Amino acid sequence: MIDLSALSFTNVLDLLGTFAFAVSGIRWASTKQFDWFGAYVIGLVTAIGGGTTRDLLLNVPPFWMQNASYLTVTGIALLATILFRNQLFRWGRALFLFDSIGLGLFTVVGVGKSLEAGLPFWVCIMMGAITGSVGGVIRDVLLNEVPLLFRKDIYALACIVGGIVYMFSYQYGLSISITEMLAALTVILIRVVAVRYHIQLPFLSPINTERNDRDKKE
């Protein structure tokens, strides 16, 4: 069970991010016609993949092995998706929104935990990006999709900018709650604006295309 009395603001963000990412993963699994167990697994790896990678890099036990709340929240996300799928996804961009919210919340959790470990700021920012984005990469690989991280969308870059905002806010002495909210909102806003106005990173053009075309003709 989840002990509400022991939750800090960061823990609340962590659980909210878990729910948002789990719903995102479960919804993607439904497009592949997974059964309920398969959908739960996809939701779980989406929610814990980034944090697990972060903890392994920090040489600490993965967070979900010390607290069953994350497994429970993923189960709640599956139940909510099954029972209230029409309400949850009535709006066409709800899936994107859940993914963006999870990205923002997990980024600040990753930065905060790395900061507690005494790591340099630039490492904390990278850990925030890993926490936010790697779960989505694992999800996409399991679903046989090109990971969103490697596509043209602004994704991991939003995590990095959010991490920078976190660090500036922390340096200027803002409260941890305000710092985390500003950083999370920055990530979410960048994702929403980038998709809304089709802001993308430049494509990497194919190399030696003329030679490849010539080889194909031969």
Protein backbone atom coordinates (compact mmCIF):
# COMPACT_ATOMS: atom_id res chain seq x y z
CA MET A 1 0.00 0.00 0.00
CA ILE A 2 0.99 3.64 -0.47
CA ASP A 3 1.71 5.43 2.82
CA LEU A 4 0.38 8.91 2.09
CA SER A 5 1.66 10.34 5.38
CA ALA A 6 5.26 9.58 4.40
CA LEU A 7 5.12 11.18 0.95
CA SER A 8 7.24 14.23 0.21
CA PHE A 9 6.53 16.60 -2.65
CA THR A 10 9.19 14.82 -4.75
CA ASN A 11 7.59 11.45 -3.99
CA VAL A 12 4.22 12.81 -5.13
CA LEU A 13 5.77 13.98 -8.42
CA ASP A 14 7.42 10.57 -8.79
CA LEU A 15 4.12 8.72 -8.35
CA LEU A 16 2.25 11.12 -10.64
CA GLY A 17 4.95 10.63 -13.26
CA THR A 18 4.66 6.87 -12.82
CA PHE A 19 0.91 7.04 -13.40
CA ALA A 20 1.24 9.31 -16.45
CA PHE A 21 3.96 7.21 -18.09
CA ALA A 22 2.19 3.95 -17.24
CA VAL A 23 -1.02 5.19 -18.87
CA SER A 24 1.01 6.25 -21.91
CA GLY A 25 2.67 2.85 -22.19
CA ILE A 26 -0.58 0.94 -21.65
CA ARG A 27 -2.32 3.04 -24.29
CA TRP A 28 0.45 2.34 -26.80
CA ALA A 29 0.22 -1.37 -25.95
CA SER A 30 -3.49 -1.31 -26.74
CA THR A 31 -2.71 -0.20 -30.29
CA LYS A 32 -0.78 -3.49 -30.70
CA GLN A 33 -3.68 -5.49 -29.19
CA PHE A 34 -1.71 -6.71 -26.16
CA ASP A 35 -3.56 -8.61 -23.45
CA TRP A 36 -3.96 -7.06 -19.98
CA PHE A 37 -0.76 -8.59 -18.60
CA GLY A 38 1.25 -7.49 -21.62
CA ALA A 39 -0.19 -4.00 -21.34
CA TYR A 40 0.76 -3.91 -17.64
CA VAL A 41 4.33 -4.92 -18.46
CA ILE A 42 4.62 -2.22 -21.14
CA GLY A 43 3.19 0.37 -18.74
CA LEU A 44 5.59 -0.74 -16.01
CA VAL A 45 8.76 -0.62 -18.12
CA THR A 46 7.71 2.77 -19.47
CA ALA A 47 7.32 4.05 -15.92
CA ILE A 48 10.40 2.51 -14.28
CA GLY A 49 12.86 2.10 -17.18
CA GLY A 50 14.46 5.53 -16.93
CA GLY A 51 14.67 5.53 -13.14
CA THR A 52 16.13 2.03 -13.11
CA THR A 53 18.84 3.07 -15.57
CA ARG A 54 19.57 6.14 -13.43
CA ASP A 55 19.88 4.10 -10.23
CA LEU A 56 22.15 1.53 -11.88
CA LEU A 57 24.43 4.35 -13.03
CA LEU A 58 24.36 5.80 -9.50
CA ASN A 59 25.25 2.34 -8.16
CA VAL A 60 22.21 2.18 -5.87
CA PRO A 61 19.39 -0.40 -5.73
CA PRO A 62 16.64 0.42 -8.25
CA PHE A 63 13.94 2.49 -6.56
CA TRP A 64 11.07 0.15 -7.33
CA MET A 65 12.79 -2.72 -5.51
CA GLN A 66 12.54 -0.74 -2.27
CA ASN A 67 8.97 0.47 -2.63
CA ALA A 68 6.08 -1.48 -4.14
CA SER A 69 4.09 1.72 -4.70
CA TYR A 70 5.30 1.95 -8.29
CA LEU A 71 3.96 -1.51 -9.12
CA THR A 72 0.68 -0.59 -7.45
CA VAL A 73 0.38 2.72 -9.30
CA THR A 74 0.98 0.94 -12.60
CA GLY A 75 -1.83 -1.46 -11.73
CA ILE A 76 -4.09 1.50 -10.95
CA ALA A 77 -3.14 3.02 -14.31
CA LEU A 78 -4.11 -0.22 -16.07
CA LEU A 79 -7.43 -0.35 -14.21
CA ALA A 80 -8.14 3.32 -14.98
CA THR A 81 -7.35 2.77 -18.66
CA ILE A 82 -9.66 -0.26 -18.84
CA LEU A 83 -12.57 1.34 -16.95
CA PHE A 84 -12.31 4.95 -18.10
CA ARG A 85 -10.62 4.70 -21.49
CA ASN A 86 -13.31 6.79 -23.22
CA GLN A 87 -13.01 9.57 -20.64
CA LEU A 88 -9.20 9.44 -20.49
CA PHE A 89 -8.72 9.48 -24.25
CA ARG A 90 -11.74 11.46 -25.39
CA TRP A 91 -9.36 14.17 -26.58
CA GLY A 92 -7.16 13.01 -29.43
CA ARG A 93 -3.94 14.32 -27.93
CA ALA A 94 -4.45 12.82 -24.47
CA LEU A 95 -1.80 10.15 -25.11
CA PHE A 96 0.74 12.80 -26.05
CA LEU A 97 -0.19 14.82 -22.97
CA PHE A 98 0.27 11.88 -20.59
CA ASP A 99 3.67 11.20 -22.14
CA SER A 100 4.70 14.87 -21.82
CA ILE A 101 3.59 15.07 -18.18
CA GLY A 102 5.51 11.90 -17.32
CA LEU A 103 8.57 13.27 -19.13
CA GLY A 104 8.52 16.50 -17.15
CA LEU A 105 7.88 14.94 -13.75
CA PHE A 106 10.48 12.21 -14.14
CA THR A 107 13.09 14.69 -15.32
CA VAL A 108 12.90 16.70 -12.09
CA VAL A 109 12.91 13.53 -10.00
CA GLY A 110 16.07 12.36 -11.78
CA VAL A 111 17.82 15.70 -11.31
CA GLY A 112 16.82 15.88 -7.65
CA LYS A 113 18.00 12.35 -6.78
CA SER A 114 21.30 12.90 -8.57
CA LEU A 115 21.78 16.18 -6.74
CA GLU A 116 21.21 14.38 -3.43
CA ALA A 117 23.96 11.95 -4.44
CA GLY A 118 26.39 14.88 -4.65
CA LEU A 119 27.00 14.70 -8.39
CA PRO A 120 28.10 17.71 -10.47
CA PHE A 121 25.33 19.78 -12.03
CA TRP A 122 26.04 18.65 -15.58
CA VAL A 123 25.75 15.01 -14.50
CA CYS A 124 22.48 15.77 -12.69
CA ILE A 125 21.07 17.28 -15.88
CA MET A 126 22.05 14.17 -17.86
CA MET A 127 20.54 11.92 -15.19
CA GLY A 128 17.32 13.91 -15.43
CA ALA A 129 17.23 13.35 -19.19
CA ILE A 130 17.92 9.62 -18.72
CA THR A 131 15.19 9.29 -16.08
CA GLY A 132 12.69 11.07 -18.29
CA SER A 133 13.40 9.51 -21.67
CA VAL A 134 14.84 6.00 -21.37
CA GLY A 135 11.55 4.42 -20.26
CA GLY A 136 9.98 5.62 -23.50
CA VAL A 137 12.88 4.18 -25.48
CA ILE A 138 12.39 0.74 -23.88
CA ARG A 139 8.65 0.96 -24.54
CA ASP A 140 9.16 1.77 -28.21
CA VAL A 141 11.71 -1.03 -28.68
CA LEU A 142 9.34 -3.57 -27.12
CA LEU A 143 6.54 -2.32 -29.36
CA ASN A 144 8.80 -2.56 -32.44
CA GLU A 145 8.71 1.20 -33.03
CA VAL A 146 11.53 3.62 -33.78
CA PRO A 147 12.18 5.23 -30.35
CA LEU A 148 10.71 8.71 -30.10
CA LEU A 149 14.06 9.87 -28.71
CA PHE A 150 15.70 9.23 -32.10
CA ARG A 151 13.01 10.84 -34.21
CA LYS A 152 12.67 14.47 -35.22
CA ASP A 153 10.56 15.42 -32.19
CA ILE A 154 11.98 17.58 -29.39
CA TYR A 155 12.15 15.01 -26.58
CA ALA A 156 15.39 14.49 -24.65
CA LEU A 157 16.37 18.08 -25.45
CA ALA A 158 13.31 19.24 -23.50
CA CYS A 159 14.59 17.24 -20.50
CA ILE A 160 17.99 18.91 -20.75
CA VAL A 161 16.47 22.40 -20.83
CA GLY A 162 14.26 21.48 -17.89
CA GLY A 163 17.33 20.29 -15.99
CA ILE A 164 19.09 23.59 -16.69
CA VAL A 165 16.06 25.48 -15.35
CA TYR A 166 16.16 23.26 -12.25
CA MET A 167 19.81 24.09 -11.64
CA PHE A 168 19.40 27.84 -12.12
CA SER A 169 16.38 27.87 -9.78
CA TYR A 170 18.31 25.81 -7.22
CA GLN A 171 21.30 28.12 -7.41
CA TYR A 172 19.13 31.18 -6.84
CA GLY A 173 17.74 29.66 -3.66
CA LEU A 174 14.14 28.97 -4.69
CA SER A 175 12.27 26.41 -2.61
CA ILE A 176 12.55 22.83 -3.80
CA SER A 177 8.82 22.67 -4.57
CA ILE A 178 8.93 25.76 -6.79
CA THR A 179 12.16 24.59 -8.40
CA GLU A 180 10.69 21.20 -9.30
CA MET A 181 7.45 22.67 -10.61
CA LEU A 182 9.26 25.24 -12.78
CA ALA A 183 11.53 22.57 -14.26
CA ALA A 184 8.66 20.12 -14.90
CA LEU A 185 6.49 22.81 -16.50
CA THR A 186 9.43 23.84 -18.70
CA VAL A 187 9.77 20.30 -20.07
CA ILE A 188 6.03 19.94 -20.64
CA LEU A 189 5.72 23.38 -22.25
CA ILE A 190 8.63 22.76 -24.61
CA ARG A 191 7.09 19.46 -25.73
CA VAL A 192 3.65 21.01 -26.26
CA VAL A 193 4.95 24.08 -28.10
CA ALA A 194 7.31 22.01 -30.26
CA VAL A 195 4.51 19.68 -31.37
CA ARG A 196 1.94 22.46 -31.71
CA TYR A 197 4.15 24.60 -33.97
CA HIS A 198 6.06 21.72 -35.62
CA ILE A 199 9.43 22.77 -34.19
CA GLN A 200 11.97 20.10 -35.03
CA LEU A 201 15.69 19.50 -35.04
CA PRO A 202 17.37 19.44 -38.47
CA PHE A 203 17.54 16.09 -40.23
CA LEU A 204 20.89 14.40 -40.79
CA SER A 205 21.12 14.04 -44.53
CA PRO A 206 22.20 10.67 -45.95
CA ILE A 207 25.93 10.44 -46.60
CA ASN A 208 27.35 9.56 -50.02
CA THR A 209 23.90 9.26 -51.58
CA GLU A 210 25.24 9.64 -55.08
CA ARG A 211 27.66 6.76 -54.56
CA ASN A 212 24.94 4.58 -53.05
CA ASP A 213 22.62 5.32 -55.97
CA ARG A 214 25.36 4.44 -58.41
CA ASP A 215 26.10 1.17 -56.59
CA LYS A 216 22.41 0.23 -56.73
CA LYS A 217 22.29 0.83 -60.47
CA GLU A 218 25.36 -1.34 -60.97
